[in-house]
Amino acid sequence: MTESRIAVVTGAYRGLGLETCRQLAELGYRVVLTARREAKGRAAAEGLAGQGLDVRFHLLDVTDARSIQALTDDLWKDFGRIDCLVNNAGIFPDPEPGSDRSSIFRADLDTIRRGLEANALGALHLCQVLIPLMGGTGRVVNVSSGMGQLSEMNGCCPGYRLSKTALNAVTRILADELQDTDVKVNSVCPGWARTDMGGPNAILPVEEGARGIVWAATLPDDGPSGGFFRHGEPIAW
């Protein structure tokens, strides 16, 4: 057991995940940076640790049950609890937007399944095993996207869209079942940030995109749960 707050961030060797680790560590969290690419994940964690931040690496493939169990076992052994889970790991499984193959009429169902496994079911599995380590108080952030909003749903990219809509449903279900606890679960759209997935033409620096994630990860006791937010402001489902 430790006095410092423990945060787990998935898919964190680059982009929004890495910046989220940085910002949480700067706030005094002990951060477990996870990634399925071991060399890159370890290098990212060592880079932050070299700046004096309390960040360590753990290998994690969110689509592999054995990998999730190994993380859970090590967290219990090393800390006895966690205080925050940021489900950031995800993929964009679809063909390039605007291409003929990005239409739902031509979508490969295996592509959609890959999106659901990586973006929704992996996060759900992590919530199932890691929320009990919070001891009734903690924060869960599911990093979603405006592309998963039903209120503004358009065509194209069904693998990504369906997975993020499903992730939002996970948020709502968990928040309802946890309403008698002090665990808060929210979805966050970071906005269109300049990451490898967002591309160089995105309008937000990665620091700004991560700030909304960190806001939800550090909510006060009277903060919201079961909501969908962008930059700390609620948005429609």
Protein backbone atom coordinates (compact mmCIF):
# COMPACT_ATOMS: atom_id res chain seq x y z
CA MET A 1 0.00 0.00 0.00
CA THR A 2 1.16 3.52 -0.75
CA GLU A 3 -0.10 6.97 0.12
CA SER A 4 0.27 8.30 -3.42
CA ARG A 5 -2.60 7.89 -5.85
CA ILE A 6 -2.10 5.14 -8.41
CA ALA A 7 -3.16 5.68 -12.03
CA VAL A 8 -3.19 3.12 -14.83
CA VAL A 9 -3.19 4.41 -18.41
CA THR A 10 -3.59 2.02 -21.33
CA GLY A 11 -2.16 2.43 -24.82
CA ALA A 12 0.22 5.03 -23.48
CA TYR A 13 3.54 4.84 -25.28
CA ARG A 14 2.68 7.82 -27.53
CA GLY A 15 0.13 10.53 -28.23
CA LEU A 16 -2.73 11.19 -25.85
CA GLY A 17 -1.87 8.26 -23.59
CA LEU A 18 1.71 9.37 -23.09
CA GLU A 19 0.70 12.98 -22.46
CA THR A 20 -1.97 11.83 -20.01
CA CYS A 21 0.72 9.91 -18.11
CA ARG A 22 2.89 13.01 -18.05
CA GLN A 23 0.16 15.29 -16.75
CA LEU A 24 -1.02 12.84 -14.09
CA ALA A 25 2.54 12.27 -12.89
CA GLU A 26 3.09 16.02 -12.69
CA LEU A 27 0.07 16.13 -10.38
CA GLY A 28 1.73 13.64 -8.06
CA TYR A 29 0.23 10.36 -9.25
CA ARG A 30 2.24 7.18 -9.44
CA VAL A 31 1.54 6.19 -13.01
CA VAL A 32 1.58 2.75 -14.59
CA LEU A 33 2.08 3.32 -18.31
CA THR A 34 0.90 0.31 -20.28
CA ALA A 35 1.34 -0.64 -23.91
CA ARG A 36 1.39 -3.79 -26.03
CA ARG A 37 4.60 -2.73 -27.76
CA GLU A 38 7.11 -3.52 -25.04
CA ALA A 39 10.19 -1.73 -26.37
CA LYS A 40 8.35 1.48 -27.17
CA GLY A 41 6.32 1.39 -23.96
CA ARG A 42 9.37 0.83 -21.80
CA ALA A 43 11.25 3.64 -23.57
CA ALA A 44 8.32 6.02 -23.07
CA ALA A 45 8.09 5.24 -19.36
CA GLU A 46 11.85 5.59 -18.92
CA GLY A 47 11.72 8.93 -20.70
CA LEU A 48 9.18 10.28 -18.23
CA ALA A 49 10.97 8.74 -15.27
CA GLY A 50 14.14 10.44 -16.48
CA GLN A 51 12.33 13.76 -16.01
CA GLY A 52 11.81 12.94 -12.34
CA LEU A 53 8.25 11.66 -12.77
CA ASP A 54 6.97 8.55 -11.00
CA VAL A 55 6.14 6.44 -14.04
CA ARG A 56 6.69 2.73 -14.57
CA PHE A 57 5.94 0.45 -17.50
CA HIS A 58 3.78 -2.64 -17.66
CA LEU A 59 3.17 -4.74 -20.76
CA LEU A 60 -0.53 -4.93 -21.65
CA ASP A 61 -2.55 -6.14 -24.60
CA VAL A 62 -6.14 -5.15 -23.85
CA THR A 63 -7.45 -7.90 -26.15
CA ASP A 64 -5.59 -10.66 -24.28
CA ALA A 65 -7.20 -11.98 -21.08
CA ARG A 66 -3.91 -13.40 -19.78
CA SER A 67 -2.20 -10.04 -20.25
CA ILE A 68 -4.98 -8.28 -18.35
CA GLN A 69 -4.76 -10.81 -15.52
CA ALA A 70 -0.98 -10.38 -15.30
CA LEU A 71 -1.44 -6.61 -14.94
CA THR A 72 -4.12 -7.09 -12.29
CA ASP A 73 -1.95 -9.47 -10.29
CA ASP A 74 1.04 -7.14 -10.38
CA LEU A 75 -1.00 -4.10 -9.39
CA TRP A 76 -2.40 -5.96 -6.41
CA LYS A 77 1.05 -7.18 -5.40
CA ASP A 78 2.82 -3.84 -5.87
CA PHE A 79 0.18 -1.38 -4.64
CA GLY A 80 -2.81 -3.21 -3.18
CA ARG A 81 -5.15 -0.81 -4.96
CA ILE A 82 -5.51 1.69 -7.78
CA ASP A 83 -7.22 5.07 -7.81
CA CYS A 84 -7.64 5.80 -11.50
CA LEU A 85 -8.03 3.86 -14.75
CA VAL A 86 -7.76 5.61 -18.10
CA ASN A 87 -8.94 3.35 -20.92
CA ASN A 88 -7.06 5.06 -23.73
CA ALA A 89 -5.90 2.07 -25.78
CA GLY A 90 -7.63 1.88 -29.12
CA ILE A 91 -7.33 1.40 -32.85
CA PHE A 92 -8.84 2.91 -35.98
CA PRO A 93 -9.64 -0.32 -37.81
CA ASP A 94 -11.37 1.04 -40.88
CA PRO A 95 -9.94 1.85 -44.31
CA GLU A 96 -9.06 5.49 -44.93
CA PRO A 97 -12.16 7.72 -44.55
CA GLY A 98 -13.60 8.68 -47.91
CA SER A 99 -12.44 5.53 -49.64
CA ASP A 100 -15.00 3.23 -51.21
CA ARG A 101 -14.21 0.53 -48.65
CA SER A 102 -14.99 2.80 -45.69
CA SER A 103 -18.74 2.52 -46.37
CA ILE A 104 -20.77 0.36 -44.02
CA PHE A 105 -22.09 -1.49 -47.08
CA ARG A 106 -18.58 -2.73 -47.86
CA ALA A 107 -17.28 -3.06 -44.33
CA ASP A 108 -15.53 -6.29 -43.46
CA LEU A 109 -17.18 -7.73 -40.36
CA ASP A 110 -13.83 -8.92 -39.06
CA THR A 111 -12.67 -5.29 -39.16
CA ILE A 112 -15.67 -4.29 -37.05
CA ARG A 113 -14.99 -7.13 -34.61
CA ARG A 114 -11.37 -5.98 -34.23
CA GLY A 115 -12.58 -2.49 -33.41
CA LEU A 116 -15.02 -3.73 -30.80
CA GLU A 117 -12.44 -6.00 -29.19
CA ALA A 118 -9.76 -3.33 -28.91
CA ASN A 119 -11.86 -0.24 -28.23
CA ALA A 120 -14.82 -1.48 -26.17
CA LEU A 121 -14.49 -5.03 -24.89
CA GLY A 122 -10.90 -4.57 -23.74
CA ALA A 123 -11.94 -1.53 -21.71
CA LEU A 124 -14.90 -3.42 -20.28
CA HIS A 125 -12.68 -6.32 -19.19
CA LEU A 126 -10.24 -3.95 -17.51
CA CYS A 127 -13.10 -2.29 -15.66
CA GLN A 128 -14.35 -5.66 -14.47
CA VAL A 129 -11.03 -6.59 -12.88
CA LEU A 130 -9.56 -3.21 -11.88
CA ILE A 131 -12.54 -1.32 -10.44
CA PRO A 132 -12.63 -3.81 -7.52
CA LEU A 133 -9.07 -2.66 -6.72
CA MET A 134 -10.42 0.86 -6.17
CA GLY A 135 -12.09 -0.14 -2.91
CA GLY A 136 -15.25 1.81 -3.62
CA THR A 137 -13.62 5.10 -4.56
CA GLY A 138 -11.84 6.00 -7.79
CA ARG A 139 -12.07 7.41 -11.28
CA VAL A 140 -12.51 5.66 -14.63
CA VAL A 141 -12.09 7.53 -17.91
CA ASN A 142 -13.13 5.86 -21.14
CA VAL A 143 -11.47 7.76 -23.97
CA SER A 144 -14.18 7.93 -26.62
CA SER A 145 -14.83 10.09 -29.68
CA GLY A 146 -17.42 12.36 -31.21
CA MET A 147 -17.56 9.78 -33.97
CA GLY A 148 -19.42 7.58 -31.49
CA GLN A 149 -22.14 10.13 -30.77
CA LEU A 150 -25.58 8.87 -31.82
CA SER A 151 -26.85 12.45 -31.90
CA GLU A 152 -24.37 13.35 -34.65
CA MET A 153 -23.82 9.94 -36.25
CA ASN A 154 -22.83 10.04 -39.90
CA GLY A 155 -21.74 7.44 -42.42
CA CYS A 156 -18.25 6.01 -42.94
CA CYS A 157 -15.89 4.17 -40.64
CA PRO A 158 -18.34 1.74 -38.98
CA GLY A 159 -15.64 -0.20 -37.16
CA TYR A 160 -14.50 2.86 -35.24
CA ARG A 161 -17.92 4.43 -34.81
CA LEU A 162 -19.61 1.29 -33.50
CA SER A 163 -16.77 0.58 -31.07
CA LYS A 164 -16.90 4.06 -29.55
CA THR A 165 -20.70 3.99 -29.26
CA ALA A 166 -20.35 0.65 -27.46
CA LEU A 167 -17.69 2.15 -25.17
CA ASN A 168 -20.10 4.93 -24.28
CA ALA A 169 -22.70 2.31 -23.38
CA VAL A 170 -20.14 0.64 -21.11
CA THR A 171 -19.70 4.00 -19.37
CA ARG A 172 -23.43 4.39 -18.76
CA ILE A 173 -23.94 0.85 -17.50
CA LEU A 174 -20.97 0.98 -15.14
CA ALA A 175 -21.93 4.39 -13.77
CA ASP A 176 -25.44 3.19 -12.99
CA GLU A 177 -24.27 0.04 -11.25
CA LEU A 178 -21.70 2.05 -9.26
CA GLN A 179 -23.96 4.89 -8.23
CA ASP A 180 -23.91 3.82 -4.57
CA THR A 181 -20.11 4.03 -4.49
CA ASP A 182 -17.57 6.83 -4.88
CA VAL A 183 -16.29 5.44 -8.19
CA LYS A 184 -16.98 7.85 -11.03
CA VAL A 185 -17.05 6.61 -14.63
CA ASN A 186 -17.15 9.00 -17.58
CA SER A 187 -16.52 9.04 -21.31
CA VAL A 188 -14.27 11.76 -22.72
CA CYS A 189 -13.84 12.93 -26.28
CA PRO A 190 -10.42 14.59 -26.35
CA GLY A 191 -11.21 16.48 -29.53
CA TRP A 192 -9.30 16.33 -32.79
CA ALA A 193 -5.72 16.27 -31.51
CA ARG A 194 -2.45 16.06 -33.41
CA THR A 195 -1.55 12.43 -32.78
CA ASP A 196 -0.63 9.58 -35.10
CA MET A 197 -4.33 8.72 -35.29
CA GLY A 198 -5.55 12.31 -35.51
CA GLY A 199 -3.00 13.29 -38.12
CA PRO A 200 -0.95 16.47 -38.66
CA ASN A 201 -3.95 18.56 -39.73
CA ALA A 202 -5.76 18.18 -36.39
CA ILE A 203 -6.62 21.44 -34.67
CA LEU A 204 -5.52 20.68 -31.10
CA PRO A 205 -2.06 20.12 -29.64
CA VAL A 206 -1.82 16.81 -27.81
CA GLU A 207 -1.42 18.65 -24.51
CA GLU A 208 -4.86 20.20 -24.89
CA GLY A 209 -6.48 16.93 -25.87
CA ALA A 210 -5.05 15.17 -22.84
CA ARG A 211 -6.15 17.92 -20.49
CA GLY A 212 -9.80 16.89 -20.76
CA ILE A 213 -8.87 13.29 -19.97
CA VAL A 214 -6.90 14.37 -16.91
CA TRP A 215 -9.81 16.55 -15.80
CA ALA A 216 -12.09 13.50 -15.70
CA ALA A 217 -9.39 11.38 -14.06
CA THR A 218 -9.03 13.84 -11.18
CA LEU A 219 -12.64 14.79 -10.50
CA PRO A 220 -13.51 15.91 -6.98
CA ASP A 221 -15.86 13.88 -4.81
CA ASP A 222 -18.86 15.92 -5.98
CA GLY A 223 -17.94 15.55 -9.67
CA PRO A 224 -20.18 13.93 -12.29
CA SER A 225 -20.45 10.28 -13.24
CA GLY A 226 -22.03 8.64 -16.27
CA GLY A 227 -21.44 11.61 -18.56
CA PHE A 228 -19.83 12.36 -21.90
CA PHE A 229 -17.44 15.31 -21.92
CA ARG A 230 -15.13 17.27 -24.18
CA HIS A 231 -12.68 19.74 -22.58
CA GLY A 232 -14.56 19.40 -19.30
CA GLU A 233 -17.92 20.33 -20.78
CA PRO A 234 -20.82 17.88 -21.31
CA ILE A 235 -21.71 16.85 -24.85
CA ALA A 236 -24.64 14.89 -26.25
CA TRP A 237 -24.55 11.12 -26.52
